[in-house]
Amino acid sequence: VRWFKNGSELKPGKNYRIYSTGRKRICQILQCSLADSGIYKCDTGELNTSCSLEVYEHKLEMVHDLEDLYIQEDQNAVFMCEVSLA
């Protein structure tokens, strides 16, 4: 079995794991990035199947907004906000 992305053959490496479990043939993409979006194909030589993968960006959300401070002269002012991945 050979695996392809947008017509180019994939090989096992840092981002791709290609392996078999019984009759199943598996291509695993580790830590997907936007560049991994595309058309993937599994080709046995006699049969093939394909699908698309669309990777979308993380969206940040503000979990904790900045707060107004009222401090005495010569004190430190510390501002903090907190963001989270949606």
N, C-alpha and C. Protein backbone atom coordinates (compact mmCIF):
# COMPACT_ATOMS: atom_id res chain seq x y z
N VAL A 1 0.84 -1.18 0.00
CA VAL A 1 0.00 0.00 0.00
C VAL A 1 0.88 1.24 0.00
N ARG A 2 0.51 2.21 -0.81
CA ARG A 2 1.23 3.48 -0.86
C ARG A 2 0.25 4.60 -0.52
N TRP A 3 0.77 5.62 0.17
CA TRP A 3 -0.03 6.77 0.59
C TRP A 3 0.44 8.01 -0.16
N PHE A 4 -0.52 8.88 -0.53
CA PHE A 4 -0.21 10.09 -1.29
C PHE A 4 -0.93 11.29 -0.69
N LYS A 5 -0.29 12.44 -0.80
CA LYS A 5 -0.93 13.72 -0.46
C LYS A 5 -0.81 14.60 -1.69
N ASN A 6 -1.95 15.04 -2.22
CA ASN A 6 -1.98 15.89 -3.42
C ASN A 6 -1.11 15.31 -4.55
N GLY A 7 -1.12 13.98 -4.69
CA GLY A 7 -0.40 13.32 -5.77
C GLY A 7 1.05 12.96 -5.47
N SER A 8 1.60 13.44 -4.35
CA SER A 8 2.99 13.12 -3.99
C SER A 8 3.00 12.01 -2.94
N GLU A 9 3.87 11.01 -3.15
CA GLU A 9 3.91 9.88 -2.23
C GLU A 9 4.45 10.30 -0.87
N LEU A 10 3.81 9.80 0.18
CA LEU A 10 4.23 10.07 1.56
C LEU A 10 5.14 8.95 2.04
N LYS A 11 6.13 9.31 2.81
CA LYS A 11 7.04 8.35 3.43
C LYS A 11 7.01 8.56 4.94
N PRO A 12 7.23 7.50 5.72
CA PRO A 12 7.28 7.66 7.17
C PRO A 12 8.37 8.66 7.55
N GLY A 13 8.12 9.46 8.56
CA GLY A 13 9.11 10.44 8.99
C GLY A 13 8.67 11.13 10.25
N LYS A 14 9.21 12.32 10.46
CA LYS A 14 8.95 13.09 11.68
C LYS A 14 7.46 13.35 11.89
N ASN A 15 6.73 13.68 10.81
CA ASN A 15 5.32 14.05 10.94
C ASN A 15 4.35 12.95 10.52
N TYR A 16 4.84 11.92 9.83
CA TYR A 16 3.96 10.87 9.32
C TYR A 16 4.35 9.51 9.87
N ARG A 17 3.33 8.77 10.35
CA ARG A 17 3.52 7.37 10.72
C ARG A 17 2.68 6.55 9.76
N ILE A 18 3.28 5.56 9.13
CA ILE A 18 2.59 4.68 8.20
C ILE A 18 2.80 3.26 8.69
N TYR A 19 1.68 2.55 8.96
CA TYR A 19 1.81 1.21 9.51
C TYR A 19 0.56 0.38 9.21
N SER A 20 0.64 -0.92 9.54
CA SER A 20 -0.46 -1.86 9.33
C SER A 20 -0.84 -2.50 10.65
N THR A 21 -2.13 -2.79 10.79
CA THR A 21 -2.65 -3.56 11.92
C THR A 21 -3.65 -4.54 11.34
N GLY A 22 -3.25 -5.81 11.22
CA GLY A 22 -4.11 -6.79 10.57
C GLY A 22 -4.33 -6.39 9.12
N ARG A 23 -5.59 -6.29 8.71
CA ARG A 23 -5.90 -5.89 7.34
C ARG A 23 -5.97 -4.38 7.16
N LYS A 24 -5.86 -3.64 8.25
CA LYS A 24 -5.95 -2.18 8.19
C LYS A 24 -4.61 -1.56 7.83
N ARG A 25 -4.65 -0.56 6.96
CA ARG A 25 -3.46 0.21 6.58
C ARG A 25 -3.68 1.63 7.08
N ILE A 26 -2.72 2.17 7.82
CA ILE A 26 -2.93 3.42 8.53
C ILE A 26 -1.85 4.44 8.19
N CYS A 27 -2.28 5.66 7.94
CA CYS A 27 -1.39 6.81 7.79
C CYS A 27 -1.80 7.80 8.87
N GLN A 28 -0.89 8.11 9.78
CA GLN A 28 -1.17 9.02 10.89
C GLN A 28 -0.32 10.27 10.73
N ILE A 29 -0.96 11.42 10.80
CA ILE A 29 -0.25 12.70 10.73
C ILE A 29 -0.15 13.24 12.15
N LEU A 30 1.06 13.49 12.60
CA LEU A 30 1.29 13.96 13.96
C LEU A 30 1.28 15.48 14.01
N GLN A 31 0.59 16.03 14.98
CA GLN A 31 0.51 17.48 15.21
C GLN A 31 0.26 18.24 13.91
N CYS A 32 -0.93 18.05 13.37
CA CYS A 32 -1.31 18.66 12.08
C CYS A 32 -1.07 20.17 12.07
N SER A 33 -0.62 20.65 10.92
CA SER A 33 -0.48 22.09 10.69
C SER A 33 -1.32 22.45 9.47
N LEU A 34 -1.47 23.74 9.21
CA LEU A 34 -2.26 24.19 8.06
C LEU A 34 -1.74 23.57 6.76
N ALA A 35 -0.42 23.36 6.66
CA ALA A 35 0.18 22.81 5.45
C ALA A 35 -0.24 21.36 5.19
N ASP A 36 -0.80 20.68 6.19
CA ASP A 36 -1.24 19.29 6.01
C ASP A 36 -2.58 19.18 5.30
N SER A 37 -3.28 20.29 5.10
CA SER A 37 -4.55 20.26 4.37
C SER A 37 -4.31 19.77 2.96
N GLY A 38 -5.22 18.95 2.44
CA GLY A 38 -5.08 18.46 1.08
C GLY A 38 -5.89 17.21 0.83
N ILE A 39 -5.63 16.57 -0.31
CA ILE A 39 -6.30 15.34 -0.71
C ILE A 39 -5.36 14.17 -0.43
N TYR A 40 -5.81 13.21 0.36
CA TYR A 40 -5.01 12.03 0.72
C TYR A 40 -5.57 10.81 0.02
N LYS A 41 -4.65 9.95 -0.44
CA LYS A 41 -5.07 8.75 -1.17
C LYS A 41 -4.30 7.54 -0.67
N CYS A 42 -5.01 6.43 -0.52
CA CYS A 42 -4.43 5.13 -0.21
C CYS A 42 -4.54 4.29 -1.47
N ASP A 43 -3.41 3.78 -1.97
CA ASP A 43 -3.38 3.04 -3.24
C ASP A 43 -2.78 1.66 -3.01
N THR A 44 -3.57 0.61 -3.31
CA THR A 44 -3.09 -0.77 -3.14
C THR A 44 -2.46 -1.31 -4.42
N GLY A 45 -2.55 -0.56 -5.51
CA GLY A 45 -2.10 -1.05 -6.81
C GLY A 45 -3.29 -1.48 -7.64
N GLU A 46 -4.27 -2.15 -7.01
CA GLU A 46 -5.49 -2.56 -7.71
C GLU A 46 -6.67 -1.67 -7.34
N LEU A 47 -6.69 -1.21 -6.10
CA LEU A 47 -7.78 -0.37 -5.60
C LEU A 47 -7.20 0.88 -4.97
N ASN A 48 -8.01 1.95 -4.93
CA ASN A 48 -7.58 3.14 -4.21
C ASN A 48 -8.79 3.87 -3.66
N THR A 49 -8.55 4.65 -2.64
CA THR A 49 -9.59 5.48 -2.03
C THR A 49 -8.95 6.79 -1.63
N SER A 50 -9.74 7.86 -1.61
CA SER A 50 -9.18 9.17 -1.25
C SER A 50 -10.17 9.96 -0.40
N CYS A 51 -9.63 10.96 0.28
CA CYS A 51 -10.45 11.85 1.10
C CYS A 51 -9.71 13.18 1.22
N SER A 52 -10.40 14.17 1.75
CA SER A 52 -9.76 15.47 1.95
C SER A 52 -9.57 15.73 3.44
N LEU A 53 -8.54 16.49 3.75
CA LEU A 53 -8.27 16.93 5.12
C LEU A 53 -8.19 18.45 5.10
N GLU A 54 -8.96 19.10 5.96
CA GLU A 54 -8.90 20.55 6.10
C GLU A 54 -8.50 20.86 7.54
N VAL A 55 -7.37 21.53 7.71
CA VAL A 55 -6.87 21.90 9.02
C VAL A 55 -7.16 23.38 9.22
N TYR A 56 -7.78 23.73 10.35
CA TYR A 56 -8.09 25.14 10.62
C TYR A 56 -7.25 25.64 11.79
N GLU A 57 -7.10 26.96 11.85
CA GLU A 57 -6.27 27.60 12.86
C GLU A 57 -6.94 27.60 14.23
N HIS A 58 -6.09 27.61 15.28
CA HIS A 58 -6.59 27.81 16.64
C HIS A 58 -7.18 29.21 16.72
N LYS A 59 -8.26 29.36 17.45
CA LYS A 59 -8.83 30.68 17.69
C LYS A 59 -8.65 31.01 19.17
N LEU A 60 -8.07 32.16 19.42
CA LEU A 60 -7.84 32.58 20.79
C LEU A 60 -9.10 33.22 21.37
N GLU A 61 -9.33 32.99 22.65
CA GLU A 61 -10.42 33.64 23.37
C GLU A 61 -9.83 34.27 24.63
N MET A 62 -10.36 35.41 25.01
CA MET A 62 -9.92 36.07 26.23
C MET A 62 -10.68 35.45 27.40
N VAL A 63 -9.95 34.79 28.31
CA VAL A 63 -10.55 34.15 29.47
C VAL A 63 -10.65 35.13 30.63
N HIS A 64 -9.64 35.97 30.76
CA HIS A 64 -9.62 36.94 31.86
C HIS A 64 -9.13 38.27 31.30
N ASP A 65 -9.99 39.30 31.37
CA ASP A 65 -9.63 40.63 30.85
C ASP A 65 -8.71 41.37 31.81
N LEU A 66 -8.09 42.42 31.28
CA LEU A 66 -7.32 43.32 32.14
C LEU A 66 -8.25 44.01 33.13
N GLU A 67 -7.72 44.33 34.29
CA GLU A 67 -8.51 45.02 35.31
C GLU A 67 -7.85 46.36 35.63
N ASP A 68 -8.70 47.36 35.94
CA ASP A 68 -8.19 48.67 36.33
C ASP A 68 -7.43 48.54 37.65
N LEU A 69 -6.37 49.33 37.79
CA LEU A 69 -5.59 49.35 39.03
C LEU A 69 -5.64 50.73 39.66
N TYR A 70 -5.62 50.75 40.96
CA TYR A 70 -5.52 51.98 41.72
C TYR A 70 -4.46 51.72 42.78
N ILE A 71 -3.25 52.28 42.56
CA ILE A 71 -2.14 51.98 43.46
C ILE A 71 -1.49 53.26 43.95
N GLN A 72 -0.79 53.11 45.04
CA GLN A 72 -0.07 54.22 45.64
C GLN A 72 1.23 54.45 44.89
N GLU A 73 1.68 55.68 44.85
CA GLU A 73 2.95 56.05 44.26
C GLU A 73 4.06 55.17 44.84
N ASP A 74 5.03 54.80 44.02
CA ASP A 74 6.18 53.96 44.37
C ASP A 74 5.86 52.47 44.47
N GLN A 75 4.61 52.06 44.21
CA GLN A 75 4.29 50.63 44.17
C GLN A 75 4.42 50.13 42.73
N ASN A 76 4.53 48.81 42.58
CA ASN A 76 4.59 48.21 41.25
C ASN A 76 3.18 48.00 40.70
N ALA A 77 3.03 48.22 39.40
CA ALA A 77 1.76 47.93 38.72
C ALA A 77 1.97 46.67 37.89
N VAL A 78 1.09 45.69 38.07
CA VAL A 78 1.18 44.43 37.31
C VAL A 78 -0.15 44.23 36.60
N PHE A 79 -0.08 44.13 35.28
CA PHE A 79 -1.27 43.89 34.46
C PHE A 79 -1.24 42.45 33.97
N MET A 80 -2.38 41.78 33.99
CA MET A 80 -2.43 40.39 33.55
C MET A 80 -3.73 40.13 32.81
N CYS A 81 -3.62 39.45 31.68
CA CYS A 81 -4.80 38.92 31.00
C CYS A 81 -4.51 37.46 30.70
N GLU A 82 -5.56 36.68 30.46
CA GLU A 82 -5.39 35.25 30.21
C GLU A 82 -6.13 34.88 28.93
N VAL A 83 -5.44 34.16 28.05
CA VAL A 83 -6.06 33.69 26.81
C VAL A 83 -6.10 32.17 26.81
N SER A 84 -7.05 31.63 26.07
CA SER A 84 -7.19 30.18 25.98
C SER A 84 -7.47 29.80 24.54
N LEU A 85 -7.07 28.61 24.15
CA LEU A 85 -7.37 28.12 22.82
C LEU A 85 -8.79 27.61 22.80
N ALA A 86 -9.52 27.98 21.76
CA ALA A 86 -10.92 27.54 21.64
C ALA A 86 -10.98 26.12 21.16
